[in-house]
């Protein structure tokens, strides 16, 4: 994703996951475990990057690393589209 005017100085690498599951019935969400495992995997990636990569290495990267948790991905990528729209326009 590139923020604002397309300047590469503001570009970031995004690590994202969906945090929703789909179901026809409100009380039954068989995909809830999938959402939980997605969240856990991304949180662990963030923890491992933060704890095992030196700060000097992270500061030396040409792009920043961002983490995102998006809702509505099963329904036309609502969360990620909204995020991209928000960061693309000032």
PDB file of N, CA and C in Angstrom:
ATOM      1  N   UNK A   1       0.849  -1.172   0.000  1.00  0.00           N
ATOM      2  CA  UNK A   1       0.000   0.000   0.000  1.00  0.00           C
ATOM      3  C   UNK A   1       0.889   1.227   0.000  1.00  0.00           C
ATOM      4  N   UNK A   2       0.516   2.208  -0.762  1.00  0.00           N
ATOM      5  CA  UNK A   2       1.261   3.453  -0.800  1.00  0.00           C
ATOM      6  C   UNK A   2       0.371   4.566  -0.294  1.00  0.00           C
ATOM      7  N   UNK A   3       0.868   5.300   0.667  1.00  0.00           N
ATOM      8  CA  UNK A   3       0.066   6.360   1.273  1.00  0.00           C
ATOM      9  C   UNK A   3       0.201   7.657   0.494  1.00  0.00           C
ATOM     10  N   UNK A   4      -0.832   8.464   0.545  1.00  0.00           N
ATOM     11  CA  UNK A   4      -0.888   9.812   0.001  1.00  0.00           C
ATOM     12  C   UNK A   4      -0.595   9.892  -1.490  1.00  0.00           C
ATOM     13  N   UNK A   5       0.490  10.564  -1.879  1.00  0.00           N
ATOM     14  CA  UNK A   5       0.714  10.942  -3.266  1.00  0.00           C
ATOM     15  C   UNK A   5       1.504   9.926  -4.088  1.00  0.00           C
ATOM     16  N   UNK A   6       1.649   8.712  -3.652  1.00  0.00           N
ATOM     17  CA  UNK A   6       2.377   7.709  -4.411  1.00  0.00           C
ATOM     18  C   UNK A   6       3.875   7.745  -4.178  1.00  0.00           C
ATOM     19  N   UNK A   7       4.344   8.566  -3.268  1.00  0.00           N
ATOM     20  CA  UNK A   7       5.760   8.663  -2.952  1.00  0.00           C
ATOM     21  C   UNK A   7       6.215   7.368  -2.298  1.00  0.00           C
ATOM     22  N   UNK A   8       7.266   6.738  -2.828  1.00  0.00           N
ATOM     23  CA  UNK A   8       7.727   5.451  -2.312  1.00  0.00           C
ATOM     24  C   UNK A   8       8.283   5.546  -0.895  1.00  0.00           C
ATOM     25  N   UNK A   9       8.621   6.770  -0.431  1.00  0.00           N
ATOM     26  CA  UNK A   9       9.104   6.921   0.938  1.00  0.00           C
ATOM     27  C   UNK A   9       8.039   6.530   1.952  1.00  0.00           C
ATOM     28  N   UNK A  10       6.776   6.567   1.540  1.00  0.00           N
ATOM     29  CA  UNK A  10       5.671   6.232   2.438  1.00  0.00           C
ATOM     30  C   UNK A  10       5.153   4.821   2.237  1.00  0.00           C
ATOM     31  N   UNK A  11       5.774   4.045   1.364  1.00  0.00           N
ATOM     32  CA  UNK A  11       5.245   2.719   1.083  1.00  0.00           C
ATOM     33  C   UNK A  11       5.572   1.759   2.224  1.00  0.00           C
ATOM     34  N   UNK A  12       4.674   0.819   2.427  1.00  0.00           N
ATOM     35  CA  UNK A  12       4.838  -0.156   3.501  1.00  0.00           C
ATOM     36  C   UNK A  12       4.520  -1.560   2.982  1.00  0.00           C
ATOM     37  N   UNK A  13       5.055  -2.529   3.641  1.00  0.00           N
ATOM     38  CA  UNK A  13       4.725  -3.926   3.388  1.00  0.00           C
ATOM     39  C   UNK A  13       3.663  -4.308   4.415  1.00  0.00           C
ATOM     40  N   UNK A  14       2.530  -4.782   3.942  1.00  0.00           N
ATOM     41  CA  UNK A  14       1.442  -5.134   4.848  1.00  0.00           C
ATOM     42  C   UNK A  14       1.366  -6.650   5.031  1.00  0.00           C
ATOM     43  N   UNK A  15       1.291  -7.075   6.262  1.00  0.00           N
ATOM     44  CA  UNK A  15       0.988  -8.455   6.623  1.00  0.00           C
ATOM     45  C   UNK A  15      -0.413  -8.412   7.216  1.00  0.00           C
ATOM     46  N   UNK A  16      -1.356  -9.065   6.562  1.00  0.00           N
ATOM     47  CA  UNK A  16      -2.753  -8.930   6.961  1.00  0.00           C
ATOM     48  C   UNK A  16      -3.441 -10.288   7.047  1.00  0.00           C
ATOM     49  N   UNK A  17      -4.575 -10.283   7.727  1.00  0.00           N
ATOM     50  CA  UNK A  17      -5.408 -11.473   7.803  1.00  0.00           C
ATOM     51  C   UNK A  17      -6.866 -11.063   7.973  1.00  0.00           C
ATOM     52  N   UNK A  18      -7.732 -11.967   7.628  1.00  0.00           N
ATOM     53  CA  UNK A  18      -9.154 -11.727   7.876  1.00  0.00           C
ATOM     54  C   UNK A  18      -9.494 -12.243   9.267  1.00  0.00           C
ATOM     55  N   UNK A  19     -10.436 -11.573   9.907  1.00  0.00           N
ATOM     56  CA  UNK A  19     -10.802 -11.985  11.267  1.00  0.00           C
ATOM     57  C   UNK A  19     -12.292 -12.294  11.362  1.00  0.00           C
ATOM     58  N   UNK A  20     -12.885 -12.649  10.238  1.00  0.00           N
ATOM     59  CA  UNK A  20     -14.304 -12.968  10.249  1.00  0.00           C
ATOM     60  C   UNK A  20     -14.521 -14.382   9.724  1.00  0.00           C
ATOM     61  N   UNK A  21     -15.675 -14.889  10.014  1.00  0.00           N
ATOM     62  CA  UNK A  21     -16.090 -16.173   9.462  1.00  0.00           C
ATOM     63  C   UNK A  21     -17.510 -15.994   8.928  1.00  0.00           C
ATOM     64  N   UNK A  22     -17.907 -16.869   8.065  1.00  0.00           N
ATOM     65  CA  UNK A  22     -19.243 -16.746   7.483  1.00  0.00           C
ATOM     66  C   UNK A  22     -20.130 -17.874   7.960  1.00  0.00           C
ATOM     67  N   UNK A  23     -21.391 -17.542   8.117  1.00  0.00           N
ATOM     68  CA  UNK A  23     -22.374 -18.532   8.510  1.00  0.00           C
ATOM     69  C   UNK A  23     -23.762 -17.996   8.175  1.00  0.00           C
ATOM     70  N   UNK A  24     -24.647 -18.896   7.818  1.00  0.00           N
ATOM     71  CA  UNK A  24     -26.021 -18.499   7.544  1.00  0.00           C
ATOM     72  C   UNK A  24     -26.791 -18.243   8.841  1.00  0.00           C
ATOM     73  N   UNK A  25     -26.269 -18.765   9.938  1.00  0.00           N
ATOM     74  CA  UNK A  25     -26.960 -18.652  11.220  1.00  0.00           C
ATOM     75  C   UNK A  25     -26.069 -17.945  12.226  1.00  0.00           C
ATOM     76  N   UNK A  26     -26.631 -17.013  12.966  1.00  0.00           N
ATOM     77  CA  UNK A  26     -25.864 -16.202  13.899  1.00  0.00           C
ATOM     78  C   UNK A  26     -25.189 -17.039  14.992  1.00  0.00           C
ATOM     79  N   UNK A  27     -25.883 -18.045  15.503  1.00  0.00           N
ATOM     80  CA  UNK A  27     -25.348 -18.834  16.616  1.00  0.00           C
ATOM     81  C   UNK A  27     -24.360 -19.909  16.193  1.00  0.00           C
ATOM     82  N   UNK A  28     -24.316 -20.226  14.920  1.00  0.00           N
ATOM     83  CA  UNK A  28     -23.419 -21.284  14.447  1.00  0.00           C
ATOM     84  C   UNK A  28     -22.398 -20.680  13.494  1.00  0.00           C
ATOM     85  N   UNK A  29     -21.149 -20.679  13.915  1.00  0.00           N
ATOM     86  CA  UNK A  29     -20.058 -20.163  13.076  1.00  0.00           C
ATOM     87  C   UNK A  29     -18.968 -21.214  12.983  1.00  0.00           C
ATOM     88  N   UNK A  30     -19.132 -22.175  12.089  1.00  0.00           N
ATOM     89  CA  UNK A  30     -18.137 -23.238  11.999  1.00  0.00           C
ATOM     90  C   UNK A  30     -16.761 -22.736  11.578  1.00  0.00           C
ATOM     91  N   UNK A  31     -16.685 -21.561  10.973  1.00  0.00           N
ATOM     92  CA  UNK A  31     -15.394 -21.018  10.556  1.00  0.00           C
ATOM     93  C   UNK A  31     -14.708 -20.189  11.623  1.00  0.00           C
ATOM     94  N   UNK A  32     -15.250 -20.140  12.833  1.00  0.00           N
ATOM     95  CA  UNK A  32     -14.666 -19.313  13.888  1.00  0.00           C
ATOM     96  C   UNK A  32     -13.249 -19.742  14.224  1.00  0.00           C
ATOM     97  N   UNK A  33     -12.969 -21.031  14.159  1.00  0.00           N
ATOM     98  CA  UNK A  33     -11.609 -21.497  14.433  1.00  0.00           C
ATOM     99  C   UNK A  33     -10.634 -20.993  13.380  1.00  0.00           C
ATOM    100  N   UNK A  34     -11.100 -20.844  12.154  1.00  0.00           N
ATOM    101  CA  UNK A  34     -10.237 -20.313  11.104  1.00  0.00           C
ATOM    102  C   UNK A  34      -9.841 -18.881  11.426  1.00  0.00           C
ATOM    103  N   UNK A  35     -10.797 -18.070  11.840  1.00  0.00           N
ATOM    104  CA  UNK A  35     -10.496 -16.683  12.205  1.00  0.00           C
ATOM    105  C   UNK A  35      -9.510 -16.642  13.371  1.00  0.00           C
ATOM    106  N   UNK A  36      -9.712 -17.489  14.352  1.00  0.00           N
ATOM    107  CA  UNK A  36      -8.817 -17.511  15.511  1.00  0.00           C
ATOM    108  C   UNK A  36      -7.403 -17.913  15.104  1.00  0.00           C
ATOM    109  N   UNK A  37      -7.276 -18.888  14.230  1.00  0.00           N
ATOM    110  CA  UNK A  37      -5.937 -19.301  13.798  1.00  0.00           C
ATOM    111  C   UNK A  37      -5.283 -18.228  12.934  1.00  0.00           C
ATOM    112  N   UNK A  38      -6.073 -17.496  12.147  1.00  0.00           N
ATOM    113  CA  UNK A  38      -5.521 -16.389  11.361  1.00  0.00           C
ATOM    114  C   UNK A  38      -4.965 -15.303  12.280  1.00  0.00           C
ATOM    115  N   UNK A  39      -5.724 -14.964  13.295  1.00  0.00           N
ATOM    116  CA  UNK A  39      -5.291 -13.934  14.242  1.00  0.00           C
ATOM    117  C   UNK A  39      -4.028 -14.380  14.963  1.00  0.00           C
ATOM    118  N   UNK A  40      -4.019 -15.617  15.438  1.00  0.00           N
ATOM    119  CA  UNK A  40      -2.860 -16.144  16.153  1.00  0.00           C
ATOM    120  C   UNK A  40      -1.622 -16.142  15.268  1.00  0.00           C
ATOM    121  N   UNK A  41      -1.757 -16.569  14.027  1.00  0.00           N
ATOM    122  CA  UNK A  41      -0.612 -16.620  13.117  1.00  0.00           C
ATOM    123  C   UNK A  41      -0.024 -15.230  12.881  1.00  0.00           C
ATOM    124  N   UNK A  42      -0.867 -14.231  12.683  1.00  0.00           N
ATOM    125  CA  UNK A  42      -0.362 -12.878  12.441  1.00  0.00           C
ATOM    126  C   UNK A  42       0.242 -12.274  13.704  1.00  0.00           C
ATOM    127  N   UNK A  43      -0.376 -12.517  14.850  1.00  0.00           N
ATOM    128  CA  UNK A  43       0.205 -12.030  16.097  1.00  0.00           C
ATOM    129  C   UNK A  43       1.560 -12.666  16.370  1.00  0.00           C
ATOM    130  N   UNK A  44       1.692 -13.940  16.090  1.00  0.00           N
ATOM    131  CA  UNK A  44       2.973 -14.622  16.286  1.00  0.00           C
ATOM    132  C   UNK A  44       4.021 -14.102  15.308  1.00  0.00           C
ATOM    133  N   UNK A  45       3.623 -13.821  14.071  1.00  0.00           N
ATOM    134  CA  UNK A  45       4.563 -13.241  13.100  1.00  0.00           C
ATOM    135  C   UNK A  45       5.064 -11.894  13.603  1.00  0.00           C
ATOM    136  N   UNK A  46       4.158 -11.071  14.118  1.00  0.00           N
ATOM    137  CA  UNK A  46       4.546  -9.762  14.656  1.00  0.00           C
ATOM    138  C   UNK A  46       5.485  -9.922  15.844  1.00  0.00           C
ATOM    139  N   UNK A  47       5.166 -10.862  16.713  1.00  0.00           N
ATOM    140  CA  UNK A  47       6.012 -11.088  17.889  1.00  0.00           C
ATOM    141  C   UNK A  47       7.399 -11.568  17.481  1.00  0.00           C
ATOM    142  N   UNK A  48       7.449 -12.503  16.546  1.00  0.00           N
ATOM    143  CA  UNK A  48       8.742 -13.031  16.113  1.00  0.00           C
ATOM    144  C   UNK A  48       9.580 -11.974  15.407  1.00  0.00           C
ATOM    145  N   UNK A  49       8.952 -11.172  14.563  1.00  0.00           N
ATOM    146  CA  UNK A  49       9.691 -10.096  13.900  1.00  0.00           C
ATOM    147  C   UNK A  49      10.204  -9.101  14.936  1.00  0.00           C
ATOM    148  N   UNK A  50       9.350  -8.742  15.872  1.00  0.00           N
ATOM    149  CA  UNK A  50       9.739  -7.776  16.893  1.00  0.00           C
ATOM    150  C   UNK A  50      10.792  -8.270  17.856  1.00  0.00           C
ATOM    151  N   UNK A  51      10.783  -9.564  18.142  1.00  0.00           N
ATOM    152  CA  UNK A  51      11.722 -10.082  19.142  1.00  0.00           C
ATOM    153  C   UNK A  51      13.006 -10.654  18.553  1.00  0.00           C
ATOM    154  N   UNK A  52      13.000 -11.037  17.285  1.00  0.00           N
ATOM    155  CA  UNK A  52      14.192 -11.677  16.741  1.00  0.00           C
ATOM    156  C   UNK A  52      14.936 -10.850  15.689  1.00  0.00           C
ATOM    157  N   UNK A  53      14.334  -9.799  15.187  1.00  0.00           N
ATOM    158  CA  UNK A  53      15.009  -8.933  14.215  1.00  0.00           C
ATOM    159  C   UNK A  53      15.478  -7.684  14.952  1.00  0.00           C
ATOM    160  N   UNK A  54      16.772  -7.393  14.880  1.00  0.00           N
ATOM    161  CA  UNK A  54      17.277  -6.211  15.585  1.00  0.00           C
ATOM    162  C   UNK A  54      16.628  -4.918  15.091  1.00  0.00           C
ATOM    163  N   UNK A  55      16.452  -3.974  15.993  1.00  0.00           N
ATOM    164  CA  UNK A  55      15.856  -2.684  15.651  1.00  0.00           C
ATOM    165  C   UNK A  55      16.634  -1.986  14.547  1.00  0.00           C
ATOM    166  N   UNK A  56      17.954  -2.105  14.578  1.00  0.00           N
ATOM    167  CA  UNK A  56      18.772  -1.468  13.537  1.00  0.00           C
ATOM    168  C   UNK A  56      18.461  -2.041  12.164  1.00  0.00           C
ATOM    169  N   UNK A  57      18.177  -3.324  12.095  1.00  0.00           N
ATOM    170  CA  UNK A  57      17.803  -3.945  10.821  1.00  0.00           C
ATOM    171  C   UNK A  57      16.440  -3.452  10.362  1.00  0.00           C
ATOM    172  N   UNK A  58      15.483  -3.395  11.283  1.00  0.00           N
ATOM    173  CA  UNK A  58      14.151  -2.895  10.939  1.00  0.00           C
ATOM    174  C   UNK A  58      14.209  -1.443  10.489  1.00  0.00           C
ATOM    175  N   UNK A  59      15.009  -0.624  11.167  1.00  0.00           N
ATOM    176  CA  UNK A  59      15.138   0.781  10.791  1.00  0.00           C
ATOM    177  C   UNK A  59      15.834   0.951   9.450  1.00  0.00           C
ATOM    178  N   UNK A  60      16.633  -0.029   9.056  1.00  0.00           N
ATOM    179  CA  UNK A  60      17.358   0.038   7.792  1.00  0.00           C
ATOM    180  C   UNK A  60      16.558  -0.436   6.591  1.00  0.00           C
ATOM    181  N   UNK A  61      15.375  -0.974   6.812  1.00  0.00           N
ATOM    182  CA  UNK A  61      14.554  -1.444   5.700  1.00  0.00           C
ATOM    183  C   UNK A  61      14.071  -0.266   4.858  1.00  0.00           C
ATOM    184  N   UNK A  62      13.934  -0.487   3.556  1.00  0.00           N
ATOM    185  CA  UNK A  62      13.460   0.587   2.689  1.00  0.00           C
ATOM    186  C   UNK A  62      11.966   0.844   2.868  1.00  0.00           C
ATOM    187  N   UNK A  63      11.255  -0.112   3.426  1.00  0.00           N
ATOM    188  CA  UNK A  63       9.821   0.040   3.682  1.00  0.00           C
ATOM    189  C   UNK A  63       9.516  -0.387   5.111  1.00  0.00           C
ATOM    190  N   UNK A  64       8.489   0.163   5.670  1.00  0.00           N
ATOM    191  CA  UNK A  64       8.025  -0.209   7.000  1.00  0.00           C
ATOM    192  C   UNK A  64       7.122  -1.432   6.891  1.00  0.00           C
ATOM    193  N   UNK A  65       6.972  -2.137   7.985  1.00  0.00           N
ATOM    194  CA  UNK A  65       6.090  -3.306   8.035  1.00  0.00           C
ATOM    195  C   UNK A  65       4.839  -2.909   8.794  1.00  0.00           C
ATOM    196  N   UNK A  66       3.691  -3.182   8.206  1.00  0.00           N
ATOM    197  CA  UNK A  66       2.413  -2.907   8.852  1.00  0.00           C
ATOM    198  C   UNK A  66       1.626  -4.191   9.031  1.00  0.00           C
ATOM    199  N   UNK A  67       0.810  -4.232  10.050  1.00  0.00           N
ATOM    200  CA  UNK A  67      -0.016  -5.400  10.337  1.00  0.00           C
ATOM    201  C   UNK A  67      -1.476  -4.975  10.316  1.00  0.00           C
ATOM    202  N   UNK A  68      -2.322  -5.793   9.700  1.00  0.00           N
ATOM    203  CA  UNK A  68      -3.728  -5.449   9.611  1.00  0.00           C
ATOM    204  C   UNK A  68      -4.630  -6.643   9.845  1.00  0.00           C
ATOM    205  N   UNK A  69      -5.735  -6.380  10.512  1.00  0.00           N
ATOM    206  CA  UNK A  69      -6.764  -7.381  10.772  1.00  0.00           C
ATOM    207  C   UNK A  69      -8.050  -6.849  10.159  1.00  0.00           C
ATOM    208  N   UNK A  70      -8.575  -7.532   9.169  1.00  0.00           N
ATOM    209  CA  UNK A  70      -9.702  -7.006   8.417  1.00  0.00           C
ATOM    210  C   UNK A  70     -10.961  -7.845   8.593  1.00  0.00           C
ATOM    211  N   UNK A  71     -12.079  -7.153   8.746  1.00  0.00           N
ATOM    212  CA  UNK A  71     -13.411  -7.759   8.799  1.00  0.00           C
ATOM    213  C   UNK A  71     -14.042  -7.686   7.408  1.00  0.00           C
ATOM    214  N   UNK A  72     -14.983  -8.537   7.151  1.00  0.00           N
ATOM    215  CA  UNK A  72     -15.771  -8.481   5.929  1.00  0.00           C
ATOM    216  C   UNK A  72     -15.050  -8.988   4.695  1.00  0.00           C
ATOM    217  N   UNK A  73     -13.969  -9.704   4.848  1.00  0.00           N
ATOM    218  CA  UNK A  73     -13.210 -10.192   3.701  1.00  0.00           C
ATOM    219  C   UNK A  73     -13.978 -11.268   2.936  1.00  0.00           C
ATOM    220  N   UNK A  74     -14.838 -11.978   3.624  1.00  0.00           N
ATOM    221  CA  UNK A  74     -15.643 -13.013   2.963  1.00  0.00           C
ATOM    222  C   UNK A  74     -16.774 -12.417   2.132  1.00  0.00           C
ATOM    223  N   UNK A  75     -17.007 -11.141   2.319  1.00  0.00           N
ATOM    224  CA  UNK A  75     -18.090 -10.459   1.605  1.00  0.00           C
ATOM    225  C   UNK A  75     -17.534  -9.359   0.700  1.00  0.00           C
ATOM    226  N   UNK A  76     -16.632  -9.722  -0.186  1.00  0.00           N
ATOM    227  CA  UNK A  76     -16.110  -8.765  -1.151  1.00  0.00           C
ATOM    228  C   UNK A  76     -14.954  -7.928  -0.639  1.00  0.00           C
ATOM    229  N   UNK A  77     -14.193  -8.448   0.296  1.00  0.00           N
ATOM    230  CA  UNK A  77     -13.013  -7.757   0.805  1.00  0.00           C
ATOM    231  C   UNK A  77     -13.342  -6.354   1.331  1.00  0.00           C
ATOM    232  N   UNK A  78     -14.405  -6.257   2.112  1.00  0.00           N
ATOM    233  CA  UNK A  78     -14.882  -4.967   2.605  1.00  0.00           C
ATOM    234  C   UNK A  78     -13.808  -4.254   3.450  1.00  0.00           C
ATOM    235  N   UNK A  79     -13.200  -4.956   4.368  1.00  0.00           N
ATOM    236  CA  UNK A  79     -12.232  -4.326   5.267  1.00  0.00           C
ATOM    237  C   UNK A  79     -10.979  -3.857   4.568  1.00  0.00           C
ATOM    238  N   UNK A  80     -10.387  -4.709   3.737  1.00  0.00           N
ATOM    239  CA  UNK A  80      -9.149  -4.320   3.061  1.00  0.00           C
ATOM    240  C   UNK A  80      -9.398  -3.244   2.012  1.00  0.00           C
ATOM    241  N   UNK A  81     -10.527  -3.300   1.325  1.00  0.00           N
ATOM    242  CA  UNK A  81     -10.844  -2.242   0.353  1.00  0.00           C
ATOM    243  C   UNK A  81     -11.028  -0.908   1.057  1.00  0.00           C
ATOM    244  N   UNK A  82     -11.679  -0.916   2.196  1.00  0.00           N
ATOM    245  CA  UNK A  82     -11.871   0.312   2.961  1.00  0.00           C
ATOM    246  C   UNK A  82     -10.524   0.860   3.429  1.00  0.00           C
ATOM    247  N   UNK A  83      -9.664  -0.018   3.897  1.00  0.00           N
ATOM    248  CA  UNK A  83      -8.333   0.409   4.340  1.00  0.00           C
ATOM    249  C   UNK A  83      -7.554   1.041   3.188  1.00  0.00           C
ATOM    250  N   UNK A  84      -7.527   0.382   2.046  1.00  0.00           N
ATOM    251  CA  UNK A  84      -6.798   0.921   0.897  1.00  0.00           C
ATOM    252  C   UNK A  84      -7.370   2.256   0.441  1.00  0.00           C
ATOM    253  N   UNK A  85      -8.664   2.377   0.488  1.00  0.00           N
ATOM    254  CA  UNK A  85      -9.292   3.651   0.120  1.00  0.00           C
ATOM    255  C   UNK A  85      -8.874   4.746   1.104  1.00  0.00           C
ATOM    256  N   UNK A  86      -8.819   4.416   2.388  1.00  0.00           N
ATOM    257  CA  UNK A  86      -8.463   5.405   3.400  1.00  0.00           C
ATOM    258  C   UNK A  86      -7.000   5.851   3.291  1.00  0.00           C
ATOM    259  N   UNK A  87      -6.091   4.930   2.992  1.00  0.00           N
ATOM    260  CA  UNK A  87      -4.672   5.317   2.913  1.00  0.00           C
ATOM    261  C   UNK A  87      -4.307   5.906   1.554  1.00  0.00           C
ATOM    262  N   UNK A  88      -5.132   5.702   0.555  1.00  0.00           N
ATOM    263  CA  UNK A  88      -4.826   6.217  -0.775  1.00  0.00           C
ATOM    264  C   UNK A  88      -5.183   7.686  -0.941  1.00  0.00           C
ATOM    265  N   UNK A  89      -6.114   8.171  -0.148  1.00  0.00           N
ATOM    266  CA  UNK A  89      -6.558   9.547  -0.263  1.00  0.00           C
ATOM    267  C   UNK A  89      -6.281  10.285   1.034  1.00  0.00           C
ATOM    268  N   UNK A  90      -5.733  11.500   0.934  1.00  0.00           N
ATOM    269  CA  UNK A  90      -5.426  12.259   2.167  1.00  0.00           C
ATOM    270  C   UNK A  90      -6.673  12.685   2.913  1.00  0.00           C
TER     271      UNK A  90
END
